[in-house]
Protein backbone atom coordinates (compact mmCIF):
# COMPACT_ATOMS: atom_id res chain seq x y z
CA MET A 1 34.70 1.11 4.82
CA PRO A 2 31.57 0.04 3.06
CA LYS A 3 30.76 1.61 -0.11
CA ARG A 4 28.09 4.54 -0.05
CA VAL A 5 24.77 3.63 -1.31
CA LEU A 6 23.18 6.40 -3.38
CA ASP A 7 19.61 6.44 -2.95
CA PHE A 8 16.95 7.78 -6.08
CA ARG A 9 14.45 5.53 -5.31
CA SER A 10 12.35 8.69 -3.81
CA ASP A 11 12.57 12.16 -2.76
CA THR A 12 11.29 10.74 0.83
CA VAL A 13 14.24 9.01 1.72
CA THR A 14 15.69 12.78 2.32
CA ARG A 15 16.99 12.80 5.80
CA PRO A 16 16.60 16.18 7.92
CA THR A 17 19.60 18.21 7.97
CA PRO A 18 21.10 19.94 10.89
CA GLY A 19 19.29 23.10 10.59
CA MET A 20 16.30 21.49 11.00
CA ARG A 21 16.63 19.24 13.24
CA LYS A 22 17.88 22.59 15.55
CA ALA A 23 14.72 24.15 14.65
CA MET A 24 12.37 20.92 15.51
CA ALA A 25 14.26 20.41 18.90
CA GLU A 26 13.07 24.19 19.88
CA ALA A 27 9.86 24.34 18.97
CA ALA A 28 7.54 25.63 20.71
CA VAL A 29 4.35 22.97 21.31
CA GLY A 30 0.94 22.67 22.49
CA ASP A 31 -1.83 20.44 21.67
CA ASP A 32 -2.96 20.64 18.36
CA VAL A 33 -6.30 19.24 18.53
CA PHE A 34 -7.02 21.48 20.85
CA ASP A 35 -5.82 23.95 18.40
CA GLU A 36 -3.21 24.98 20.66
CA ASP A 37 0.11 24.63 19.22
CA PRO A 38 2.06 28.04 18.32
CA SER A 39 4.26 26.03 15.42
CA VAL A 40 1.91 24.30 13.83
CA HIS A 41 -0.21 27.74 13.73
CA ALA A 42 2.63 29.26 12.30
CA LEU A 43 3.57 27.01 9.16
CA GLN A 44 -0.57 26.90 8.38
CA GLU A 45 -0.56 30.81 8.35
CA ARG A 46 2.39 30.55 6.41
CA VAL A 47 1.57 28.05 3.69
CA ALA A 48 -2.18 29.82 3.61
CA GLU A 49 -0.24 32.96 2.85
CA LEU A 50 2.06 31.42 0.35
CA LEU A 51 -0.80 29.50 -1.77
CA GLY A 52 -3.06 32.67 -1.21
CA LYS A 53 -5.85 31.22 0.64
CA GLU A 54 -7.54 31.80 4.33
CA ALA A 55 -6.71 29.03 5.93
CA ALA A 56 -4.66 25.62 6.20
CA VAL A 57 -4.54 22.73 8.66
CA PHE A 58 -1.45 20.71 8.71
CA VAL A 59 -1.79 16.70 8.16
CA PRO A 60 1.13 13.46 8.52
CA SER A 61 0.50 12.67 5.15
CA GLY A 62 -0.14 14.22 1.44
CA SER A 63 -2.58 11.29 0.95
CA MET A 64 -4.62 12.50 3.85
CA SER A 65 -4.67 15.72 2.68
CA ASN A 66 -5.88 14.46 -0.62
CA GLN A 67 -8.59 12.64 0.61
CA ILE A 68 -9.53 14.92 3.02
CA GLY A 69 -9.57 17.07 0.06
CA VAL A 70 -12.15 15.14 -1.94
CA ARG A 71 -14.28 14.46 1.39
CA VAL A 72 -14.37 18.32 1.79
CA HIS A 73 -16.58 18.62 -1.74
CA CYS A 74 -17.91 15.93 -2.32
CA ASP A 75 -20.50 13.43 -0.27
CA PRO A 76 -21.04 9.56 -0.06
CA GLY A 77 -22.27 8.50 -3.37
CA ASP A 78 -20.26 11.70 -5.50
CA GLU A 79 -18.26 11.34 -8.46
CA PHE A 80 -14.93 12.97 -8.67
CA ILE A 81 -12.78 13.52 -12.38
CA CYS A 82 -9.30 12.83 -12.60
CA GLU A 83 -6.45 11.61 -14.69
CA SER A 84 -6.25 8.19 -15.12
CA GLY A 85 -2.51 7.84 -13.74
CA CYS A 86 -2.80 9.93 -11.04
CA HIS A 87 -1.90 9.63 -7.70
CA ILE A 88 -5.51 10.08 -5.37
CA TYR A 89 -6.25 7.47 -8.43
CA ASN A 90 -3.46 4.50 -8.35
CA TYR A 91 -1.68 4.78 -5.18
CA GLU A 92 -4.23 5.68 -1.95
CA GLN A 93 -5.64 2.41 -1.36
CA GLY A 94 -8.71 3.33 -3.42
CA ALA A 95 -9.39 5.54 0.28
CA TYR A 96 -11.98 7.49 -1.59
CA ALA A 97 -13.88 4.75 -1.97
CA GLN A 98 -13.04 2.86 1.28
CA LEU A 99 -13.33 6.27 3.43
CA SER A 100 -15.95 8.48 1.65
CA GLY A 101 -17.90 6.60 -0.38
CA LEU A 102 -17.17 8.02 -3.75
CA ALA A 103 -16.34 7.18 -7.35
CA THR A 104 -14.70 8.20 -9.72
CA ARG A 105 -14.51 8.75 -13.49
CA THR A 106 -10.83 8.88 -14.71
CA VAL A 107 -9.32 9.99 -18.17
CA ASP A 108 -6.03 9.14 -20.08
CA GLY A 109 -3.81 12.16 -20.22
CA ALA A 110 -0.36 12.73 -22.44
CA CYS A 111 1.99 11.92 -19.60
CA GLY A 112 -0.59 13.00 -16.92
CA VAL A 113 -1.82 16.24 -18.63
CA LEU A 114 -5.52 16.50 -19.37
CA GLN A 115 -7.12 18.75 -21.88
CA LEU A 116 -10.27 20.56 -21.65
CA GLU A 117 -11.94 18.94 -24.93
CA GLN A 118 -11.40 15.77 -22.65
CA LEU A 119 -13.51 16.50 -19.72
CA THR A 120 -16.23 18.06 -22.45
CA GLY A 121 -19.53 16.13 -21.83
CA LEU A 122 -18.61 14.28 -19.13
CA ILE A 123 -20.60 15.57 -16.32
CA ARG A 124 -23.49 13.80 -15.19
CA ALA A 125 -26.90 14.88 -15.97
CA ASP A 126 -29.12 15.72 -12.33
CA ASN A 127 -30.97 12.27 -12.92
CA GLU A 128 -31.66 10.19 -9.36
CA HIS A 129 -29.80 6.65 -11.09
CA LEU A 130 -26.46 8.53 -11.32
CA CYS A 131 -24.02 9.76 -9.36
CA ARG A 132 -23.53 13.54 -9.30
CA THR A 133 -19.98 15.12 -10.88
CA ARG A 134 -18.94 17.12 -8.53
CA LEU A 135 -15.36 17.85 -8.13
CA VAL A 136 -12.11 17.62 -10.81
CA CYS A 137 -8.75 16.82 -9.40
CA LEU A 138 -5.29 17.87 -11.01
CA GLU A 139 -1.58 17.09 -10.06
CA ASN A 140 1.13 19.22 -10.78
CA THR A 141 3.87 18.10 -10.88
CA HIS A 142 2.68 14.67 -11.67
CA ASN A 143 4.17 11.82 -10.32
CA ARG A 144 3.77 8.89 -13.16
CA GLY A 145 3.92 11.52 -15.41
CA ALA A 146 8.04 11.72 -14.95
CA GLY A 147 7.57 14.94 -13.01
CA LYS A 148 5.64 16.54 -15.51
CA ILE A 149 4.84 20.23 -15.00
CA GLN A 150 0.95 20.90 -15.96
CA PRO A 151 0.80 23.54 -18.31
CA TYR A 152 -0.62 26.84 -17.11
CA ASP A 153 -3.20 27.43 -19.89
CA VAL A 154 -4.25 24.08 -19.26
CA VAL A 155 -4.67 24.58 -15.62
CA GLU A 156 -6.61 27.76 -15.98
CA SER A 157 -9.39 26.32 -18.92
CA ILE A 158 -9.38 23.17 -16.99
CA CYS A 159 -10.43 25.00 -13.50
CA ASP A 160 -12.73 28.10 -15.10
CA TRP A 161 -14.55 25.06 -17.40
CA ALA A 162 -15.05 22.96 -13.76
CA HIS A 163 -16.08 26.63 -11.61
CA ALA A 164 -18.62 27.26 -14.81
CA ASN A 165 -20.43 24.36 -14.38
CA GLY A 166 -20.44 24.27 -10.51
CA LEU A 167 -17.99 21.70 -10.18
CA ARG A 168 -14.88 22.59 -7.49
CA THR A 169 -12.00 21.64 -7.96
CA HIS A 170 -9.25 20.26 -5.87
CA LEU A 171 -4.70 20.36 -7.02
CA ASP A 172 -2.59 17.41 -5.86
CA GLY A 173 0.34 19.56 -5.27
CA ALA A 174 2.34 17.17 -3.57
CA ARG A 175 5.51 18.70 -5.67
CA LEU A 176 4.39 22.07 -6.68
CA PHE A 177 7.48 23.75 -5.47
CA ASN A 178 8.87 21.60 -8.29
CA ALA A 179 6.45 23.11 -10.49
CA VAL A 180 7.09 26.57 -8.85
CA VAL A 181 10.91 26.71 -9.28
CA ALA A 182 10.56 25.53 -13.02
CA SER A 183 8.38 26.83 -14.54
CA GLY A 184 9.01 30.85 -12.71
CA ILE A 185 5.24 31.20 -11.75
CA ASN A 186 4.30 31.11 -8.44
CA ALA A 187 2.33 29.15 -5.53
CA ARG A 188 -0.52 31.70 -5.69
CA ASP A 189 -0.84 32.01 -9.33
CA TRP A 190 -0.77 28.20 -9.51
CA ALA A 191 -3.35 27.91 -6.34
CA GLN A 192 -5.67 30.43 -7.80
CA HIS A 193 -7.73 28.12 -9.77
CA PHE A 194 -8.53 25.69 -7.26
CA ASP A 195 -10.61 25.58 -4.29
CA THR A 196 -8.55 23.59 -2.24
CA VAL A 197 -4.71 22.64 -2.56
CA SER A 198 -2.47 19.59 -0.98
CA VAL A 199 1.26 20.82 -0.64
CA CYS A 200 3.79 17.95 0.84
CA PHE A 201 6.80 18.88 2.46
CA SER A 202 8.37 15.69 3.28
CA LYS A 203 9.40 15.36 -0.51
CA GLY A 204 11.25 17.60 -2.43
CA LEU A 205 11.96 20.35 0.54
CA GLY A 206 13.38 17.58 3.01
CA ALA A 207 11.24 17.41 5.97
CA PRO A 208 10.83 14.68 7.61
CA VAL A 209 7.01 14.45 7.59
CA GLY A 210 3.70 16.25 7.15
CA SER A 211 1.64 17.90 4.19
CA ALA A 212 -1.10 20.90 4.87
CA LEU A 213 -4.35 21.53 2.42
CA VAL A 214 -4.87 25.22 1.67
CA GLY A 215 -8.53 26.78 0.92
CA THR A 216 -11.49 28.94 2.34
CA LYS A 217 -11.86 29.20 5.95
CA GLU A 218 -14.84 27.12 5.90
CA HIS A 219 -13.39 24.68 3.74
CA ILE A 220 -10.37 24.28 6.65
CA LYS A 221 -13.30 23.75 9.04
CA LYS A 222 -14.74 21.35 7.71
CA ALA A 223 -10.55 19.93 6.90
CA ARG A 224 -10.39 19.60 10.42
CA ARG A 225 -13.20 17.64 11.51
CA VAL A 226 -12.67 15.53 8.54
CA ARG A 227 -9.24 14.91 9.45
CA LYS A 228 -10.02 14.19 13.14
CA LEU A 229 -12.20 11.11 11.57
CA PHE A 230 -9.82 9.92 9.57
CA GLY A 231 -7.44 9.21 12.70
CA GLY A 232 -4.95 12.44 11.97
CA GLY A 233 -5.50 14.86 15.15
CA MET A 234 -1.76 15.21 16.62
CA ARG A 235 -1.17 16.15 19.73
CA GLN A 236 2.03 18.24 19.87
CA ALA A 237 3.04 17.94 16.25
CA GLY A 238 4.99 21.69 16.71
CA ILE A 239 8.23 19.38 16.50
CA ILE A 240 7.41 18.41 12.86
CA ALA A 241 6.14 21.36 12.00
CA ALA A 242 8.90 23.40 12.86
CA GLY A 243 10.69 20.78 10.47
CA ALA A 244 8.31 21.90 7.76
CA LEU A 245 8.70 26.05 8.28
CA TYR A 246 12.22 24.97 8.23
CA ALA A 247 11.87 23.44 4.44
CA LEU A 248 9.72 26.18 3.23
CA ASP A 249 12.31 29.11 4.75
CA ASN A 250 15.60 27.25 3.23
CA HIS A 251 14.90 24.24 0.77
CA ILE A 252 12.50 25.93 -2.15
CA GLU A 253 14.74 27.65 -4.69
CA ARG A 254 17.28 24.68 -3.76
CA LEU A 255 15.06 22.52 -6.30
CA ALA A 256 16.18 24.20 -8.81
CA GLU A 257 19.80 21.78 -8.38
CA ASP A 258 17.48 18.85 -8.32
CA HIS A 259 16.65 19.80 -11.90
CA ALA A 260 19.69 20.06 -13.25
CA ASN A 261 20.75 16.87 -11.47
CA ALA A 262 17.85 15.21 -13.11
CA LYS A 263 17.90 16.92 -16.98
CA LYS A 264 21.87 15.13 -16.35
CA LEU A 265 20.52 11.31 -15.68
CA GLY A 266 18.39 11.87 -18.54
CA ASP A 267 20.52 12.96 -20.82
CA ALA A 268 22.84 10.25 -20.05
CA VAL A 269 19.70 7.52 -20.01
CA GLY A 270 19.36 8.68 -23.57
CA ASP A 271 22.58 7.98 -24.67
CA ILE A 272 22.80 3.84 -22.79
CA PRO A 273 21.54 1.15 -24.96
CA GLY A 274 18.95 -0.72 -23.69
CA LEU A 275 17.09 2.46 -21.77
CA LYS A 276 15.02 4.76 -23.60
CA LEU A 277 13.43 8.18 -21.81
CA ILE A 278 9.70 8.34 -21.38
CA GLY A 279 8.63 11.75 -21.94
CA ASP A 280 9.72 14.19 -24.36
CA ALA A 281 11.80 16.18 -21.86
CA VAL A 282 12.75 16.01 -18.13
CA ASP A 283 10.58 19.00 -16.29
CA THR A 284 11.63 18.83 -12.94
CA ASN A 285 13.35 16.04 -10.17
CA LEU A 286 11.81 12.57 -12.08
CA VAL A 287 13.68 10.86 -14.74
CA ILE A 288 11.61 7.44 -15.78
CA PHE A 289 12.85 5.03 -18.14
CA HIS A 290 12.00 2.40 -19.90
CA VAL A 291 14.12 -0.80 -19.91
CA GLU A 292 14.37 -3.23 -22.90
CA PRO A 293 13.69 -6.91 -22.32
CA LYS A 294 16.93 -7.55 -23.41
CA LEU A 295 18.35 -5.96 -20.14
CA GLY A 296 15.97 -7.95 -18.31
CA THR A 297 12.79 -6.55 -16.45
CA ALA A 298 12.65 -3.17 -14.72
CA ALA A 299 12.80 -5.40 -11.32
CA GLU A 300 15.47 -7.34 -12.08
CA PHE A 301 17.84 -4.00 -13.83
CA CYS A 302 17.32 -2.10 -10.60
CA GLU A 303 18.20 -5.70 -8.45
CA LYS A 304 21.54 -5.15 -11.02
CA LEU A 305 21.77 -1.47 -9.84
CA LYS A 306 21.72 -2.28 -6.13
CA ALA A 307 24.17 -4.66 -6.23
CA ALA A 308 26.36 -1.87 -8.09
CA GLY A 309 25.22 0.46 -5.13
CA LEU A 310 22.38 2.39 -7.07
CA LEU A 311 19.18 2.23 -5.69
CA MET A 312 16.39 3.12 -7.61
CA LEU A 313 12.68 2.44 -8.43
CA ALA A 314 10.61 -0.44 -11.20
CA ILE A 315 7.11 1.06 -10.90
CA GLY A 316 5.97 -1.29 -14.12
CA ALA A 317 7.69 -4.82 -15.91
CA GLN A 318 9.78 -2.26 -17.72
CA GLN A 319 9.76 0.95 -16.06
CA VAL A 320 12.06 2.28 -13.84
CA ARG A 321 12.06 5.97 -11.53
CA ALA A 322 14.69 8.18 -10.23
CA VAL A 323 14.10 10.83 -7.96
CA MET A 324 16.73 13.44 -7.42
CA HIS A 325 16.26 15.02 -4.38
CA LEU A 326 18.57 17.21 -1.17
CA ASP A 327 20.36 14.17 -0.17
CA VAL A 328 22.34 13.62 -3.55
CA ASP A 329 24.49 16.14 -5.22
CA GLU A 330 25.75 16.64 -8.58
CA ALA A 331 28.93 14.23 -8.32
CA ASP A 332 26.19 11.49 -6.76
CA THR A 333 24.74 12.03 -10.08
CA ALA A 334 27.12 11.65 -12.15
CA ARG A 335 28.43 8.35 -10.52
CA ALA A 336 24.21 7.08 -10.44
CA CYS A 337 25.08 7.97 -14.57
CA GLU A 338 27.97 5.79 -14.73
CA ILE A 339 26.45 2.72 -12.78
CA LEU A 340 23.59 2.80 -15.28
CA GLY A 341 25.66 2.49 -17.87
CA GLU A 342 27.96 -0.38 -16.63
CA VAL A 343 25.23 -2.42 -15.68
CA ALA A 344 23.44 -2.04 -19.10
CA ALA A 345 26.67 -2.67 -20.75
CA ALA A 346 27.19 -5.99 -18.93
CA ALA A 347 23.88 -7.72 -19.87
CA PRO A 348 23.94 -10.15 -22.47
CA GLY A 349 23.55 -9.38 -25.66
CA VAL A 350 23.96 -5.42 -25.14
CA LYS A 351 26.57 -3.67 -27.89
CA VAL A 352 28.34 -0.59 -26.96
CA THR A 353 29.73 0.97 -29.30
CA ALA A 354 33.86 2.01 -28.68
CA GLY A 355 34.55 5.69 -27.86
CA ALA A 356 30.62 6.29 -27.73
CA ASP A 357 30.02 9.78 -26.45
CA VAL A 358 27.82 8.95 -23.28
CA HIS A 359 27.05 12.64 -21.96
CA TYR A 360 27.23 11.55 -17.74
């Protein structure tokens, strides 16, 4: 029997659990474009209540949810401010420009975290020659920031500043529930500072597909129109909405297991010659580490890991990302730590001290 391959590339690779499959199979459905799907209604009401907003709209993906969010707040020719490593700017194909005619003002953060003083002075003057600055976007947790949780006081100060200056705020909360579980700050408290929030069900929560955008009733009325424009109108979507509902009911608190496993992997990385953890700590379920050139490029290192039965993702010339999720457990994490050490030790010119204390 072939050896099981351990997949740490992303928390999007999870399969629906038996309970989730049953809920999906039994879901009541209707035509969601006609706003007649009872399971979609139940999901939208649940997530809006969970985040303390008036309404929500269910969409196929987090990228679409973000792009609807920025379009709700901005008109063509407007500009929004975001952190330079954020998902909206890096991993959505510049859709804000392609689909909505928007410009961006990017600011470099520390592991994805901006400080209020970095934004002071960035709002453009009311001048017919200039873009209109309309929106500030933050990401929590931050993907390229190795799952960094935004400091709550910083989020509050930036959003207060934005609103005081007539700007709107949007949160890419694809992994917001990871921040909720790790910080102990509930979703409503995080969400209260933003006009719109996007949350994803197909990452750590383990649903097969789907995200939601929450906001005021007026925001969501406009969002439904934009969803149709972007091709996101779905028909009997209750089948997938039921999977997301099951995830909200059963898979939030268990995110703590992913965080614990990520910390174990991060500790192991710190003890392996040739690897260096990015960031000062592992906050949630993401681990990003630097691969020294003597071990090859990140892509080459990942190919060696793959040959040993471990999948991780090269996200830069010398950077690798590993993500903990529903389908990997403590034993899988321990084995992943072993494989990392074995592959690194096998590289030419790498010296491993006999009896070194490596924490797997």
